[in-house]
C-alpha atoms as a PDB file:
ATOM      1  CA  UNK A   1     -83.183  28.888-119.621  1.00  0.00           C
ATOM      2  CA  UNK A   2     -79.446  29.815-118.083  1.00  0.00           C
ATOM      3  CA  UNK A   3     -77.061  32.523-119.142  1.00  0.00           C
ATOM      4  CA  UNK A   4     -74.373  31.509-121.633  1.00  0.00           C
ATOM      5  CA  UNK A   5     -71.644  33.236-118.576  1.00  0.00           C
ATOM      6  CA  UNK A   6     -73.053  30.941-115.933  1.00  0.00           C
ATOM      7  CA  UNK A   7     -73.068  28.087-118.207  1.00  0.00           C
ATOM      8  CA  UNK A   8     -69.149  28.736-119.110  1.00  0.00           C
ATOM      9  CA  UNK A   9     -68.054  28.544-115.337  1.00  0.00           C
ATOM     10  CA  UNK A  10     -69.956  25.285-114.833  1.00  0.00           C
ATOM     11  CA  UNK A  11     -67.856  24.317-118.063  1.00  0.00           C
ATOM     12  CA  UNK A  12     -64.223  25.104-117.055  1.00  0.00           C
ATOM     13  CA  UNK A  13     -65.432  23.529-113.303  1.00  0.00           C
ATOM     14  CA  UNK A  14     -66.228  20.457-115.407  1.00  0.00           C
ATOM     15  CA  UNK A  15     -63.032  20.487-116.929  1.00  0.00           C
ATOM     16  CA  UNK A  16     -60.612  20.579-114.007  1.00  0.00           C
ATOM     17  CA  UNK A  17     -62.653  18.283-112.017  1.00  0.00           C
ATOM     18  CA  UNK A  18     -62.184  15.156-114.650  1.00  0.00           C
ATOM     19  CA  UNK A  19     -58.069  16.822-114.897  1.00  0.00           C
ATOM     20  CA  UNK A  20     -58.082  16.483-110.837  1.00  0.00           C
ATOM     21  CA  UNK A  21     -59.818  12.949-110.545  1.00  0.00           C
ATOM     22  CA  UNK A  22     -57.502  11.894-112.759  1.00  0.00           C
ATOM     23  CA  UNK A  23     -54.459  12.514-110.779  1.00  0.00           C
ATOM     24  CA  UNK A  24     -55.865  10.931-108.454  1.00  0.00           C
ATOM     25  CA  UNK A  25     -57.895  13.223-105.984  1.00  0.00           C
ATOM     26  CA  UNK A  26     -60.972  13.092-104.185  1.00  0.00           C
ATOM     27  CA  UNK A  27     -63.329  15.383-105.799  1.00  0.00           C
ATOM     28  CA  UNK A  28     -66.671  17.519-104.577  1.00  0.00           C
ATOM     29  CA  UNK A  29     -68.735  19.778-106.269  1.00  0.00           C
ATOM     30  CA  UNK A  30     -71.275  23.021-104.841  1.00  0.00           C
ATOM     31  CA  UNK A  31     -69.405  22.175-101.210  1.00  0.00           C
ATOM     32  CA  UNK A  32     -70.545  24.093 -98.396  1.00  0.00           C
ATOM     33  CA  UNK A  33     -67.791  25.706 -96.397  1.00  0.00           C
ATOM     34  CA  UNK A  34     -68.536  25.814 -92.482  1.00  0.00           C
ATOM     35  CA  UNK A  35     -66.202  28.509 -91.631  1.00  0.00           C
ATOM     36  CA  UNK A  36     -67.379  30.672 -94.229  1.00  0.00           C
ATOM     37  CA  UNK A  37     -71.342  31.432 -94.596  1.00  0.00           C
ATOM     38  CA  UNK A  38     -73.488  31.343 -97.368  1.00  0.00           C
ATOM     39  CA  UNK A  39     -70.878  30.014 -99.475  1.00  0.00           C
ATOM     40  CA  UNK A  40     -70.437  27.047-101.462  1.00  0.00           C
ATOM     41  CA  UNK A  41     -67.026  26.142-102.796  1.00  0.00           C
ATOM     42  CA  UNK A  42     -66.800  24.951-106.902  1.00  0.00           C
ATOM     43  CA  UNK A  43     -64.596  22.173-105.841  1.00  0.00           C
ATOM     44  CA  UNK A  44     -63.101  20.696-103.316  1.00  0.00           C
ATOM     45  CA  UNK A  45     -60.068  18.420-103.776  1.00  0.00           C
ATOM     46  CA  UNK A  46     -58.656  15.894-101.358  1.00  0.00           C
ATOM     47  CA  UNK A  47     -55.045  14.202-101.315  1.00  0.00           C
ATOM     48  CA  UNK A  48     -52.510  13.045 -99.289  1.00  0.00           C
ATOM     49  CA  UNK A  49     -53.806  14.525 -96.675  1.00  0.00           C
ATOM     50  CA  UNK A  50     -54.020  17.613 -98.310  1.00  0.00           C
ATOM     51  CA  UNK A  51     -57.592  20.036 -98.900  1.00  0.00           C
ATOM     52  CA  UNK A  52     -57.624  22.496-101.611  1.00  0.00           C
ATOM     53  CA  UNK A  53     -60.592  24.634-102.419  1.00  0.00           C
ATOM     54  CA  UNK A  54     -61.493  26.099-105.230  1.00  0.00           C
ATOM     55  CA  UNK A  55     -63.628  28.827-106.613  1.00  0.00           C
ATOM     56  CA  UNK A  56     -64.846  29.337-110.098  1.00  0.00           C
ATOM     57  CA  UNK A  57     -65.816  32.580-111.521  1.00  0.00           C
ATOM     58  CA  UNK A  58     -66.049  34.838-114.115  1.00  0.00           C
ATOM     59  CA  UNK A  59     -64.790  38.766-113.601  1.00  0.00           C
ATOM     60  CA  UNK A  60     -68.523  39.737-113.458  1.00  0.00           C
ATOM     61  CA  UNK A  61     -69.388  36.981-111.131  1.00  0.00           C
ATOM     62  CA  UNK A  62     -66.458  37.805-108.933  1.00  0.00           C
ATOM     63  CA  UNK A  63     -67.352  40.997-108.167  1.00  0.00           C
ATOM     64  CA  UNK A  64     -71.124  39.860-106.776  1.00  0.00           C
ATOM     65  CA  UNK A  65     -69.322  36.524-104.922  1.00  0.00           C
ATOM     66  CA  UNK A  66     -67.529  38.995-101.641  1.00  0.00           C
ATOM     67  CA  UNK A  67     -66.882  35.532 -99.448  1.00  0.00           C
ATOM     68  CA  UNK A  68     -64.358  34.649-102.224  1.00  0.00           C
ATOM     69  CA  UNK A  69     -61.278  37.303-101.196  1.00  0.00           C
ATOM     70  CA  UNK A  70     -62.719  36.219 -97.112  1.00  0.00           C
ATOM     71  CA  UNK A  71     -61.969  32.732 -98.150  1.00  0.00           C
ATOM     72  CA  UNK A  72     -58.647  32.705 -99.780  1.00  0.00           C
ATOM     73  CA  UNK A  73     -57.554  34.713 -96.388  1.00  0.00           C
ATOM     74  CA  UNK A  74     -58.691  32.163 -94.357  1.00  0.00           C
ATOM     75  CA  UNK A  75     -57.881  28.736 -95.873  1.00  0.00           C
ATOM     76  CA  UNK A  76     -54.227  30.496 -96.730  1.00  0.00           C
ATOM     77  CA  UNK A  77     -53.487  30.663 -92.781  1.00  0.00           C
ATOM     78  CA  UNK A  78     -55.144  27.230 -92.162  1.00  0.00           C
ATOM     79  CA  UNK A  79     -52.548  23.945 -92.057  1.00  0.00           C
ATOM     80  CA  UNK A  80     -53.497  21.608 -94.512  1.00  0.00           C
ATOM     81  CA  UNK A  81     -55.995  23.849 -96.869  1.00  0.00           C
ATOM     82  CA  UNK A  82     -55.187  26.207 -99.416  1.00  0.00           C
ATOM     83  CA  UNK A  83     -57.386  28.464-101.898  1.00  0.00           C
ATOM     84  CA  UNK A  84     -57.089  28.622-106.006  1.00  0.00           C
ATOM     85  CA  UNK A  85     -59.425  31.109-107.420  1.00  0.00           C
ATOM     86  CA  UNK A  86     -59.730  30.407-111.278  1.00  0.00           C
ATOM     87  CA  UNK A  87     -61.159  33.083-113.655  1.00  0.00           C
ATOM     88  CA  UNK A  88     -62.815  32.191-116.179  1.00  0.00           C
ATOM     89  CA  UNK A  89     -62.331  34.540-119.441  1.00  0.00           C
ATOM     90  CA  UNK A  90     -65.772  35.944-120.603  1.00  0.00           C
ATOM     91  CA  UNK A  91     -67.083  35.839-124.170  1.00  0.00           C
ATOM     92  CA  UNK A  92     -65.953  38.648-126.069  1.00  0.00           C
ATOM     93  CA  UNK A  93     -68.733  40.995-126.485  1.00  0.00           C
ATOM     94  CA  UNK A  94     -69.302  42.437-129.599  1.00  0.00           C
ATOM     95  CA  UNK A  95     -70.648  46.300-129.547  1.00  0.00           C
ATOM     96  CA  UNK A  96     -74.062  46.526-130.929  1.00  0.00           C
ATOM     97  CA  UNK A  97     -77.567  48.201-130.589  1.00  0.00           C
ATOM     98  CA  UNK A  98     -78.961  48.022-127.470  1.00  0.00           C
ATOM     99  CA  UNK A  99     -82.379  46.936-129.271  1.00  0.00           C
ATOM    100  CA  UNK A 100     -80.529  44.077-131.426  1.00  0.00           C
ATOM    101  CA  UNK A 101     -82.141  40.427-130.954  1.00  0.00           C
ATOM    102  CA  UNK A 102     -81.480  37.006-132.723  1.00  0.00           C
ATOM    103  CA  UNK A 103     -82.977  36.819-135.783  1.00  0.00           C
ATOM    104  CA  UNK A 104     -86.235  34.125-135.827  1.00  0.00           C
ATOM    105  CA  UNK A 105     -86.738  31.773-138.784  1.00  0.00           C
ATOM    106  CA  UNK A 106     -88.794  33.626-140.808  1.00  0.00           C
ATOM    107  CA  UNK A 107     -86.221  35.923-141.133  1.00  0.00           C
ATOM    108  CA  UNK A 108     -83.752  33.255-141.377  1.00  0.00           C
ATOM    109  CA  UNK A 109     -85.152  32.281-144.681  1.00  0.00           C
ATOM    110  CA  UNK A 110     -85.508  35.601-145.981  1.00  0.00           C
ATOM    111  CA  UNK A 111     -81.807  35.783-145.199  1.00  0.00           C
ATOM    112  CA  UNK A 112     -81.099  32.987-147.406  1.00  0.00           C
ATOM    113  CA  UNK A 113     -83.456  34.365-150.126  1.00  0.00           C
ATOM    114  CA  UNK A 114     -81.351  37.458-150.304  1.00  0.00           C
ATOM    115  CA  UNK A 115     -77.966  35.332-150.052  1.00  0.00           C
ATOM    116  CA  UNK A 116     -79.580  33.894-152.962  1.00  0.00           C
ATOM    117  CA  UNK A 117     -80.436  36.898-154.868  1.00  0.00           C
ATOM    118  CA  UNK A 118     -76.600  38.138-154.139  1.00  0.00           C
ATOM    119  CA  UNK A 119     -75.816  35.259-155.839  1.00  0.00           C
ATOM    120  CA  UNK A 120     -77.343  35.405-158.703  1.00  0.00           C
ATOM    121  CA  UNK A 121     -76.023  39.004-159.344  1.00  0.00           C
ATOM    122  CA  UNK A 122     -72.794  38.088-159.252  1.00  0.00           C
ATOM    123  CA  UNK A 123     -72.048  39.330-155.902  1.00  0.00           C
ATOM    124  CA  UNK A 124     -70.652  35.985-154.052  1.00  0.00           C
ATOM    125  CA  UNK A 125     -68.851  38.239-151.441  1.00  0.00           C
ATOM    126  CA  UNK A 126     -72.279  39.417-150.361  1.00  0.00           C
ATOM    127  CA  UNK A 127     -73.882  35.896-151.043  1.00  0.00           C
ATOM    128  CA  UNK A 128     -71.311  34.280-148.247  1.00  0.00           C
ATOM    129  CA  UNK A 129     -71.845  36.654-145.577  1.00  0.00           C
ATOM    130  CA  UNK A 130     -75.676  37.171-145.881  1.00  0.00           C
ATOM    131  CA  UNK A 131     -75.693  33.259-145.472  1.00  0.00           C
ATOM    132  CA  UNK A 132     -72.904  33.154-142.909  1.00  0.00           C
ATOM    133  CA  UNK A 133     -75.631  35.923-140.378  1.00  0.00           C
ATOM    134  CA  UNK A 134     -78.188  33.479-141.278  1.00  0.00           C
ATOM    135  CA  UNK A 135     -75.954  30.222-140.207  1.00  0.00           C
ATOM    136  CA  UNK A 136     -75.033  32.535-136.983  1.00  0.00           C
ATOM    137  CA  UNK A 137     -78.799  32.860-136.030  1.00  0.00           C
ATOM    138  CA  UNK A 138     -79.686  28.993-136.312  1.00  0.00           C
ATOM    139  CA  UNK A 139     -76.839  27.566-134.012  1.00  0.00           C
ATOM    140  CA  UNK A 140     -77.616  30.455-131.634  1.00  0.00           C
ATOM    141  CA  UNK A 141     -81.436  29.146-132.166  1.00  0.00           C
ATOM    142  CA  UNK A 142     -80.541  25.294-131.502  1.00  0.00           C
ATOM    143  CA  UNK A 143     -77.784  26.676-128.233  1.00  0.00           C
ATOM    144  CA  UNK A 144     -81.168  27.969-126.971  1.00  0.00           C
ATOM    145  CA  UNK A 145     -82.968  25.221-127.384  1.00  0.00           C
ATOM    146  CA  UNK A 146     -80.772  23.721-125.222  1.00  0.00           C
ATOM    147  CA  UNK A 147     -81.461  25.524-122.391  1.00  0.00           C
ATOM    148  CA  UNK A 148     -78.688  28.177-122.769  1.00  0.00           C
ATOM    149  CA  UNK A 149     -79.171  31.737-123.934  1.00  0.00           C
ATOM    150  CA  UNK A 150     -76.822  33.767-125.813  1.00  0.00           C
ATOM    151  CA  UNK A 151     -77.525  37.319-124.427  1.00  0.00           C
ATOM    152  CA  UNK A 152     -75.976  39.348-126.937  1.00  0.00           C
ATOM    153  CA  UNK A 153     -73.952  39.460-130.126  1.00  0.00           C
ATOM    154  CA  UNK A 154     -70.532  37.817-129.515  1.00  0.00           C
ATOM    155  CA  UNK A 155     -67.844  36.359-131.380  1.00  0.00           C
ATOM    156  CA  UNK A 156     -68.622  33.487-133.831  1.00  0.00           C
ATOM    157  CA  UNK A 157     -65.979  30.743-132.746  1.00  0.00           C
ATOM    158  CA  UNK A 158     -67.795  31.741-128.983  1.00  0.00           C
ATOM    159  CA  UNK A 159     -71.310  30.592-130.750  1.00  0.00           C
ATOM    160  CA  UNK A 160     -69.636  27.407-132.189  1.00  0.00           C
ATOM    161  CA  UNK A 161     -68.420  26.323-129.111  1.00  0.00           C
ATOM    162  CA  UNK A 162     -71.244  26.641-127.278  1.00  0.00           C
ATOM    163  CA  UNK A 163     -73.361  24.507-129.894  1.00  0.00           C
ATOM    164  CA  UNK A 164     -71.079  21.572-129.779  1.00  0.00           C
ATOM    165  CA  UNK A 165     -70.287  21.541-126.121  1.00  0.00           C
ATOM    166  CA  UNK A 166     -74.121  21.040-125.353  1.00  0.00           C
ATOM    167  CA  UNK A 167     -74.747  19.219-128.297  1.00  0.00           C
ATOM    168  CA  UNK A 168     -76.543  21.753-130.553  1.00  0.00           C
ATOM    169  CA  UNK A 169     -74.838  20.800-133.544  1.00  0.00           C
ATOM    170  CA  UNK A 170     -72.386  17.801-133.844  1.00  0.00           C
ATOM    171  CA  UNK A 171     -68.443  17.709-134.165  1.00  0.00           C
ATOM    172  CA  UNK A 172     -68.900  16.966-137.462  1.00  0.00           C
ATOM    173  CA  UNK A 173     -71.097  20.408-137.960  1.00  0.00           C
ATOM    174  CA  UNK A 174     -68.534  22.108-135.885  1.00  0.00           C
ATOM    175  CA  UNK A 175     -65.587  21.352-137.931  1.00  0.00           C
ATOM    176  CA  UNK A 176     -67.230  22.310-141.343  1.00  0.00           C
ATOM    177  CA  UNK A 177     -68.749  25.215-139.903  1.00  0.00           C
ATOM    178  CA  UNK A 178     -65.694  26.539-138.351  1.00  0.00           C
ATOM    179  CA  UNK A 179     -64.132  26.364-141.668  1.00  0.00           C
ATOM    180  CA  UNK A 180     -66.728  28.344-143.432  1.00  0.00           C
ATOM    181  CA  UNK A 181     -65.916  30.762-140.698  1.00  0.00           C
ATOM    182  CA  UNK A 182     -62.599  31.236-141.272  1.00  0.00           C
ATOM    183  CA  UNK A 183     -63.436  33.054-145.043  1.00  0.00           C
ATOM    184  CA  UNK A 184     -66.253  34.880-143.002  1.00  0.00           C
ATOM    185  CA  UNK A 185     -63.666  36.137-141.087  1.00  0.00           C
ATOM    186  CA  UNK A 186     -61.413  37.054-143.630  1.00  0.00           C
ATOM    187  CA  UNK A 187     -64.030  38.691-146.015  1.00  0.00           C
ATOM    188  CA  UNK A 188     -65.625  40.354-143.248  1.00  0.00           C
ATOM    189  CA  UNK A 189     -62.698  42.301-142.220  1.00  0.00           C
ATOM    190  CA  UNK A 190     -61.518  43.665-145.762  1.00  0.00           C
ATOM    191  CA  UNK A 191     -59.064  40.416-146.677  1.00  0.00           C
ATOM    192  CA  UNK A 192     -58.793  38.609-150.184  1.00  0.00           C
ATOM    193  CA  UNK A 193     -58.794  34.806-150.326  1.00  0.00           C
ATOM    194  CA  UNK A 194     -57.500  32.738-152.997  1.00  0.00           C
ATOM    195  CA  UNK A 195     -59.872  29.919-151.687  1.00  0.00           C
ATOM    196  CA  UNK A 196     -63.098  31.298-151.941  1.00  0.00           C
ATOM    197  CA  UNK A 197     -65.496  30.621-154.090  1.00  0.00           C
ATOM    198  CA  UNK A 198     -69.060  30.105-154.931  1.00  0.00           C
ATOM    199  CA  UNK A 199     -69.194  26.170-154.126  1.00  0.00           C
ATOM    200  CA  UNK A 200     -68.767  27.640-150.393  1.00  0.00           C
ATOM    201  CA  UNK A 201     -71.930  29.627-150.103  1.00  0.00           C
ATOM    202  CA  UNK A 202     -73.748  26.894-151.550  1.00  0.00           C
ATOM    203  CA  UNK A 203     -72.084  24.627-149.271  1.00  0.00           C
ATOM    204  CA  UNK A 204     -73.240  27.204-146.566  1.00  0.00           C
ATOM    205  CA  UNK A 205     -76.879  27.515-147.290  1.00  0.00           C
ATOM    206  CA  UNK A 206     -77.352  24.099-147.634  1.00  0.00           C
ATOM    207  CA  UNK A 207     -76.383  24.079-144.038  1.00  0.00           C
ATOM    208  CA  UNK A 208     -78.047  26.311-143.130  1.00  0.00           C
ATOM    209  CA  UNK A 209     -81.661  24.917-144.746  1.00  0.00           C
ATOM    210  CA  UNK A 210     -80.682  21.366-143.209  1.00  0.00           C
ATOM    211  CA  UNK A 211     -79.754  22.748-139.516  1.00  0.00           C
ATOM    212  CA  UNK A 212     -83.251  24.707-139.520  1.00  0.00           C
ATOM    213  CA  UNK A 213     -84.891  21.106-139.886  1.00  0.00           C
ATOM    214  CA  UNK A 214     -83.318  20.100-137.013  1.00  0.00           C
ATOM    215  CA  UNK A 215     -84.578  23.203-134.723  1.00  0.00           C
ATOM    216  CA  UNK A 216     -87.848  22.457-132.368  1.00  0.00           C
ATOM    217  CA  UNK A 217     -91.238  23.081-133.454  1.00  0.00           C
END
């Protein structure tokens, strides 16, 4: 199991590698540099006699990769070479109790039952928000099944992004859940929206139930 931050760095490196290949560069990944001991460049790209070394890091990991500052100084004085640091935006961490943990499946089932009870009582907004919390828990579980751990509470759009990137959910499910998330964002933060009705809660519950069937045993 790897952390979501490490995956975020790798995702950006993947994107940049493809961009450079499309522009005709020769691209290498995880390249050791003899003039900086014990350091591997995330990307080395070459074209027309010029070599660029690229390091990808979040602000958190940058502090642990002390050779990066030295690397920039060395390369910027080395003819035919240059250096680029790509800082990855880290996922927004939401304030939550230190003992928080993602709901297990039994609690997700209970949360869906609570959503149904709220619906029966005419509490449509409460029902939708209860169902959404179950949806996020299911999606995080599917991401974890792909070997990626989302360790703390974070924004729902980040959870969905990680899920579709790692193939935990289909692109159709991603777009569907993203649309439902916009209602969650409005309702959870005290906004009204004319497009909200009970059918959205029913739809969300059915989506969660279907995704639960896709979870590994």
